[in-house]
Protein backbone atom coordinates (compact mmCIF):
# COMPACT_ATOMS: atom_id res chain seq x y z
CA MET A 1 60.59 93.74 151.79
CA LEU A 2 56.95 94.68 151.42
CA THR A 3 55.49 95.35 147.99
CA GLY A 4 52.96 98.12 147.47
CA LEU A 5 50.17 95.54 147.51
CA HIS A 6 51.41 94.09 150.80
CA ARG A 7 51.65 97.58 152.31
CA ALA A 8 48.03 98.14 151.35
CA ARG A 9 47.07 94.84 152.91
CA LEU A 10 48.99 95.59 156.09
CA ALA A 11 47.43 99.02 156.38
CA GLY A 12 44.02 97.42 155.98
CA ILE A 13 44.49 95.18 159.01
CA VAL A 14 43.07 97.92 161.25
CA LEU A 15 39.66 96.83 162.53
CA ALA A 16 36.87 99.08 161.34
CA ALA A 17 33.94 99.76 163.65
CA ALA A 18 30.48 99.95 162.09
CA LEU A 19 27.53 101.33 164.03
CA VAL A 20 24.46 99.12 163.65
CA LEU A 21 21.05 100.52 164.61
CA PRO A 22 18.99 100.03 166.64
CA GLY A 23 20.74 99.40 169.92
CA CYS A 24 24.02 101.14 169.00
CA THR A 25 25.80 97.78 168.74
CA VAL A 26 29.37 98.08 167.55
CA VAL A 27 30.30 95.29 165.14
CA ARG A 28 34.00 94.94 164.32
CA THR A 29 34.96 93.30 161.06
CA PRO A 30 38.54 92.69 159.89
CA LEU A 31 39.21 94.51 156.64
CA GLY A 32 41.95 93.44 154.25
CA LEU A 33 43.22 90.79 156.64
CA GLY A 34 44.43 87.67 154.88
CA PRO A 35 47.37 85.40 154.16
CA PRO A 36 50.22 85.86 154.90
CA PHE A 37 49.07 87.98 157.87
CA LEU A 38 46.81 85.29 159.40
CA ARG A 39 47.46 82.09 161.28
CA VAL A 40 45.25 79.36 162.69
CA ALA A 41 44.70 79.78 166.43
CA GLY A 42 42.75 76.56 166.94
CA VAL A 43 40.34 74.01 165.47
CA VAL A 44 37.76 72.34 167.72
CA GLU A 45 34.71 70.14 167.40
CA VAL A 46 32.02 72.27 169.02
CA SER A 47 29.17 69.76 168.69
CA ASP A 48 29.09 66.04 168.08
CA VAL A 49 25.39 66.09 167.23
CA ALA A 50 24.81 64.89 163.66
CA ALA A 51 23.89 68.13 161.90
CA THR A 52 21.86 67.86 158.69
CA SER A 53 22.06 71.54 157.73
CA PRO A 54 25.00 73.89 157.31
CA PRO A 55 25.73 75.80 160.54
CA ALA A 56 24.53 79.41 160.77
CA TRP A 57 26.12 82.14 162.89
CA ASP A 58 24.03 84.59 164.87
CA PRO A 59 24.91 88.30 164.34
CA SER A 60 26.96 88.45 167.55
CA ALA A 61 29.14 85.47 166.48
CA ARG A 62 28.52 83.92 169.91
CA PHE A 63 26.00 81.30 168.81
CA LEU A 64 25.68 78.70 166.07
CA ALA A 65 22.41 77.21 164.91
CA PHE A 66 22.00 74.05 162.88
CA GLY A 67 19.36 71.54 161.92
CA THR A 68 19.08 67.81 162.61
CA ASP A 69 16.64 65.04 161.81
CA ASP A 70 14.48 66.15 164.73
CA GLY A 71 14.83 69.89 165.15
CA VAL A 72 16.67 73.21 165.12
CA TRP A 73 19.43 73.57 167.71
CA ARG A 74 21.41 76.51 169.08
CA LEU A 75 24.93 76.13 170.42
CA ALA A 76 26.70 78.70 172.60
CA LEU A 77 30.42 78.65 171.86
CA GLY A 78 32.37 77.28 174.80
CA ARG A 79 29.46 75.26 176.14
CA PRO A 80 29.37 71.47 175.72
CA ARG A 81 25.81 70.83 174.59
CA PRO A 82 23.41 72.58 172.19
CA ARG A 83 19.81 73.49 173.10
CA ARG A 84 16.89 72.52 170.89
CA LEU A 85 14.85 75.54 169.82
CA ALA A 86 12.14 73.73 167.85
CA SER A 87 11.07 70.17 167.11
CA LEU A 88 10.98 69.88 163.32
CA SER A 89 11.72 66.99 160.98
CA SER A 90 14.52 66.76 158.42
CA VAL A 91 15.93 70.28 158.76
CA THR A 92 18.19 71.08 155.80
CA GLU A 93 18.79 74.86 156.09
CA VAL A 94 18.78 77.55 158.79
CA ALA A 95 19.40 81.31 158.56
CA TRP A 96 19.56 83.89 161.38
CA SER A 97 17.82 87.21 160.93
CA PRO A 98 20.24 90.17 161.15
CA ASP A 99 18.80 91.24 164.51
CA GLY A 100 19.19 87.75 165.97
CA ARG A 101 15.54 87.59 167.07
CA ARG A 102 14.51 84.68 164.85
CA LEU A 103 15.71 82.10 162.40
CA ALA A 104 14.36 80.81 159.13
CA ALA A 105 14.48 77.03 158.80
CA VAL A 106 13.65 74.61 155.99
CA ALA A 107 12.18 71.39 157.38
CA ASP A 108 10.63 68.64 155.27
CA GLY A 109 10.84 71.15 152.42
CA GLY A 110 8.64 73.73 154.21
CA LEU A 111 9.72 77.15 155.48
CA TYR A 112 9.42 77.97 159.20
CA LEU A 113 10.24 80.77 161.61
CA VAL A 114 12.07 79.57 164.73
CA TYR A 115 12.65 81.69 167.85
CA PRO A 116 15.63 81.60 170.25
CA ASP A 117 13.24 81.92 173.22
CA ALA A 118 11.67 78.57 172.22
CA ARG A 119 8.32 79.98 171.16
CA PRO A 120 6.49 77.55 168.84
CA ALA A 121 7.78 77.51 165.28
CA GLU A 122 5.57 79.15 162.64
CA ARG A 123 5.16 77.78 159.13
CA LEU A 124 5.46 80.47 156.44
CA SER A 125 5.22 78.59 153.16
CA GLN A 126 2.89 75.85 152.01
CA SER A 127 5.14 75.07 149.05
CA ALA A 128 6.28 71.46 148.91
CA VAL A 129 9.94 72.36 148.40
CA VAL A 130 11.66 75.53 149.64
CA ARG A 131 15.39 76.29 149.40
CA PHE A 132 17.95 79.02 150.09
CA PRO A 133 16.27 81.14 152.80
CA ALA A 134 18.09 84.50 152.94
CA TRP A 135 17.29 87.59 155.04
CA ASP A 136 17.71 91.04 153.58
CA PRO A 137 20.34 93.24 155.31
CA ARG A 138 17.73 94.85 157.59
CA GLY A 139 15.97 91.61 158.46
CA ARG A 140 12.63 92.90 157.21
CA ARG A 141 12.25 90.51 154.28
CA LEU A 142 13.05 86.86 153.83
CA ALA A 143 13.76 85.59 150.33
CA TYR A 144 13.62 81.96 149.26
CA VAL A 145 13.20 79.74 146.22
CA ALA A 146 10.05 77.63 145.92
CA SER A 147 9.48 74.87 143.40
CA GLY A 148 6.58 75.31 141.01
CA VAL A 149 4.82 73.04 138.56
CA ASP A 150 6.68 74.25 135.47
CA ALA A 151 9.28 76.63 136.89
CA GLU A 152 10.85 77.74 140.12
CA ARG A 153 9.76 80.92 141.86
CA LEU A 154 11.72 83.47 143.85
CA ALA A 155 9.56 84.66 146.74
CA THR A 156 9.93 87.19 149.56
CA TRP A 157 8.07 87.28 152.86
CA ASP A 158 7.65 90.71 154.47
CA ALA A 159 8.12 90.55 158.24
CA ASP A 160 6.25 93.83 158.81
CA ARG A 161 3.20 93.05 156.69
CA GLY A 162 3.27 89.29 156.47
CA ALA A 163 2.86 89.64 152.70
CA VAL A 164 4.42 87.23 150.21
CA ARG A 165 5.55 88.38 146.77
CA ALA A 166 6.82 86.04 144.09
CA ALA A 167 8.34 86.09 140.61
CA VAL A 168 8.72 83.19 138.22
CA LEU A 169 12.32 82.44 137.30
CA PRO A 170 13.24 81.58 133.70
CA ALA A 171 11.84 78.22 132.61
CA GLY A 172 14.10 75.20 132.39
CA VAL A 173 16.56 76.34 135.06
CA ALA A 174 17.26 75.43 138.67
CA ALA A 175 18.35 77.98 141.27
CA GLN A 176 21.78 77.37 142.78
CA ALA A 177 22.11 80.33 145.16
CA ILE A 178 20.58 83.71 146.00
CA GLY A 179 22.15 86.78 147.57
CA TRP A 180 20.81 90.18 148.61
CA LEU A 181 22.57 93.34 147.52
CA PRO A 182 23.66 95.56 150.44
CA ASP A 183 20.86 98.12 149.98
CA GLY A 184 18.18 95.40 150.13
CA ARG A 185 16.59 96.61 146.89
CA ALA A 186 17.56 93.66 144.70
CA LEU A 187 18.86 90.10 144.72
CA LEU A 188 21.21 88.14 142.52
CA VAL A 189 20.11 84.60 141.66
CA ALA A 190 22.52 82.02 140.24
CA LEU A 191 20.83 79.50 137.92
CA ALA A 192 21.82 76.24 136.29
CA PRO A 193 20.10 75.51 132.97
CA GLY A 194 18.63 72.02 132.81
CA GLY A 195 20.56 70.16 130.13
CA GLY A 196 22.11 73.38 128.87
CA GLU A 197 25.62 74.74 128.80
CA GLY A 198 26.87 77.44 131.12
CA GLY A 199 25.42 79.11 134.17
CA LEU A 200 23.13 82.09 134.45
CA LEU A 201 22.91 85.03 136.85
CA VAL A 202 19.80 87.21 137.04
CA ARG A 203 19.08 90.36 139.03
CA VAL A 204 15.67 90.52 140.68
CA GLU A 205 14.42 93.94 141.75
CA ALA A 206 12.66 93.68 145.13
CA GLY A 207 10.30 96.65 144.89
CA PRO A 208 6.52 96.57 145.34
CA ARG A 209 6.72 93.72 142.82
CA LEU A 210 9.55 91.29 142.19
CA THR A 211 10.89 91.96 138.71
CA VAL A 212 13.35 89.61 137.00
CA GLY A 213 15.98 91.60 135.13
CA PRO A 214 18.44 90.80 132.34
CA VAL A 215 20.30 87.51 132.28
CA ALA A 216 24.09 87.29 132.36
CA ARG A 217 25.59 84.07 131.03
CA LEU A 218 28.51 82.50 132.90
CA GLU A 219 30.34 79.21 132.55
CA VAL A 220 29.20 75.90 134.02
CA MET A 221 29.59 76.28 137.78
CA HIS A 222 28.72 74.74 141.11
CA ASP A 223 28.74 76.09 144.69
CA PRO A 224 28.16 79.69 143.49
CA VAL A 225 27.93 82.36 146.20
CA VAL A 226 27.52 86.14 145.90
CA ASP A 227 29.95 88.28 147.89
CA PRO A 228 28.50 90.44 150.74
CA PHE A 229 28.59 93.58 148.61
CA GLY A 230 27.19 92.15 145.39
CA ARG A 231 30.38 92.94 143.47
CA TRP A 232 31.53 89.39 142.73
CA ILE A 233 30.29 85.86 142.49
CA ALA A 234 32.60 83.00 143.51
CA TYR A 235 32.10 79.47 142.22
CA VAL A 236 33.80 76.23 141.24
CA ALA A 237 34.40 75.70 137.49
CA ALA A 238 36.16 73.13 135.35
CA ALA A 239 39.87 73.74 134.88
CA PRO A 240 41.22 73.85 131.31
CA GLY A 241 41.81 70.30 130.13
CA GLY A 242 39.79 68.80 132.99
CA SER A 243 37.03 66.30 132.34
CA GLY A 244 34.11 64.94 134.34
CA GLY A 245 34.73 67.40 137.16
CA ALA A 246 38.03 65.68 137.95
CA GLN A 247 39.95 68.96 137.74
CA GLU A 248 38.33 72.15 138.96
CA GLN A 249 39.29 75.61 140.16
CA VAL A 250 37.77 78.23 142.46
CA VAL A 251 36.93 81.27 140.34
CA VAL A 252 35.53 84.77 140.91
CA ALA A 253 33.82 86.98 138.35
CA ARG A 254 31.68 90.10 138.31
CA PRO A 255 27.92 89.57 138.02
CA ASP A 256 28.08 90.37 134.30
CA GLY A 257 30.74 87.69 133.77
CA SER A 258 33.65 90.12 133.34
CA GLY A 259 36.80 90.26 135.45
CA ARG A 260 37.09 86.47 135.71
CA ARG A 261 39.93 85.47 138.02
CA VAL A 262 41.18 81.97 138.92
CA LEU A 263 42.17 81.66 142.59
CA THR A 264 43.33 78.06 143.03
CA PRO A 265 45.35 75.43 141.15
CA PRO A 266 43.47 72.54 139.51
CA GLY A 267 41.91 70.16 142.03
CA ASN A 268 38.55 69.16 143.46
CA TYR A 269 36.73 71.86 145.42
CA THR A 270 33.49 72.36 147.30
CA GLY A 271 31.86 74.41 150.09
CA VAL A 272 32.72 77.93 148.86
CA SER A 273 31.86 80.86 151.17
CA TRP A 274 32.78 84.57 151.41
CA ALA A 275 34.27 86.28 154.45
CA PRO A 276 32.11 89.23 155.63
CA ALA A 277 34.69 91.78 154.46
CA GLY A 278 34.49 90.37 150.92
CA THR A 279 38.25 89.88 150.61
CA LEU A 280 38.65 86.19 151.51
CA ILE A 281 37.00 82.96 150.39
CA ALA A 282 36.88 79.68 152.30
CA TYR A 283 36.41 76.31 150.62
CA GLY A 284 37.13 72.62 150.94
CA THR A 285 39.75 70.82 148.85
CA LEU A 286 39.15 67.10 148.37
CA LEU A 287 42.49 65.39 148.93
CA GLY A 288 41.23 61.80 148.90
CA PRO A 289 38.16 59.64 149.43
CA ASP A 290 37.99 60.56 153.12
CA GLU A 291 40.15 63.66 153.50
CA VAL A 292 39.29 67.31 152.97
CA ALA A 293 41.51 70.35 153.53
CA VAL A 294 39.67 73.49 154.65
CA GLU A 295 41.48 76.47 153.16
CA ILE A 296 41.10 80.21 152.61
CA VAL A 297 42.33 82.31 149.71
CA ASP A 298 42.84 86.06 149.35
CA VAL A 299 40.85 87.30 146.34
CA ALA A 300 43.34 90.06 145.52
CA THR A 301 46.64 88.19 145.91
CA ASP A 302 45.76 84.47 145.52
CA ALA A 303 47.62 83.83 148.81
CA ARG A 304 46.24 80.69 150.47
CA LEU A 305 46.22 79.33 154.01
CA ARG A 306 45.30 75.80 155.07
CA ILE A 307 42.93 75.98 158.03
CA ALA A 308 42.34 72.32 158.87
CA ASP A 309 42.63 68.75 157.60
CA TYR A 310 39.24 67.10 158.05
CA HIS A 311 38.40 63.42 157.87
CA PRO A 312 34.61 62.94 157.57
CA GLU A 313 33.11 60.23 159.73
CA LEU A 314 31.82 58.62 156.52
CA ALA A 315 33.84 58.95 153.31
CA MET A 316 30.64 59.23 151.25
CA TYR A 317 30.07 62.68 152.77
CA ALA A 318 33.45 64.15 151.80
CA ARG A 319 31.91 66.11 148.92
CA SER A 320 29.29 67.50 151.33
CA ILE A 321 31.76 69.77 153.14
CA VAL A 322 30.43 73.27 153.86
CA THR A 323 32.12 76.38 155.29
CA ARG A 324 30.51 79.37 157.02
CA TRP A 325 32.32 82.53 158.21
CA SER A 326 31.37 84.20 161.47
CA PRO A 327 30.13 87.82 161.18
CA ASP A 328 33.37 89.12 162.72
CA GLY A 329 35.44 87.23 160.14
CA LEU A 330 37.54 85.49 162.79
CA ARG A 331 36.02 82.01 162.77
CA ILE A 332 34.98 79.46 160.17
CA ALA A 333 32.40 76.80 160.99
CA PHE A 334 32.53 73.69 158.84
CA GLY A 335 31.21 70.16 158.59
CA THR A 336 29.76 67.57 156.23
CA ASP A 337 26.18 68.62 156.78
CA THR A 338 24.83 69.53 153.36
CA ASP A 339 23.69 67.75 150.18
CA GLY A 340 22.38 64.83 152.21
CA GLY A 341 25.49 64.61 154.39
CA ARG A 342 25.52 64.80 158.16
CA GLY A 343 28.13 65.14 160.85
CA PRO A 344 29.49 67.18 163.77
CA VAL A 345 30.13 70.91 163.62
CA TRP A 346 33.72 72.16 163.80
CA VAL A 347 35.01 75.71 164.26
CA ALA A 348 38.41 77.07 163.25
CA THR A 349 39.66 80.34 164.72
CA VAL A 350 42.11 82.59 162.88
CA GLU A 351 44.13 85.51 164.22
CA ARG A 352 46.74 88.01 163.13
CA ARG A 353 50.34 86.84 163.17
């Protein structure tokens, strides 16, 4: 017998079509589709190249890009070998622009633009250390965090004007994640105080000048990520009674810290990511020194589904698991290619039961 909540979920399984301009491209995203209405259709290793960055989906969900020690590579799903787009050293992050015409890549700490047509890469930032490149929803601005002498800076590069704007983040903190709000007018930045207690979340207005807004204080967290609509932040926090990170839980809360909700039982978690519809979260559960379960959880019902059991090639990289949802919400790319880890890229496909 279906409860009212399950009826709502079942009704939400209908695929909604969104018109994306220009080009009148129809993008279909599953809405309200989660356990128990999903099953795993397959899990495959799509590339055995040792990736050193998390994989990044292009807007069409047909291609994956990732970094290695010697470049940025693009992989077409269903084809055996990736193609190198640019020769760069020590690539740690890549991000597709929403129109699919270029990628941002962090290599040797610098920020570059990389093109799918193999045009030469362009360096954008002279900063020694850049992290968290993130395109705004229209692909007109690229935000990133750059290390400064005394404090970190949030910067944006304007693709139309080539202008760079920057704002100094609060002193004594380190950025953990950034996320654009859907209208592209502001960002949320998750911060970890150096030597302090708790986490911080600030809103940065992205007008003619970048303006750092009020600070919301959250609990100590790692792997924070803002949902696609800016309504929630998901993260890993210590479970009650846990010590030394031995017992953790995946948690969601509103940007002001209210509405806190625990989604998983106590365990060891990493690699949190939001589905594009903002209703599901993927993550890795550490089951042992060399075993990780890739799982998803429904934010509204706490229903969970195990996607894959993954054994990293090297046990030391188990904590480096990362998950990335495809734009259509039907695939999850994962691997041990973050926080210094490296390894092949895997893709799990889910479908309706």
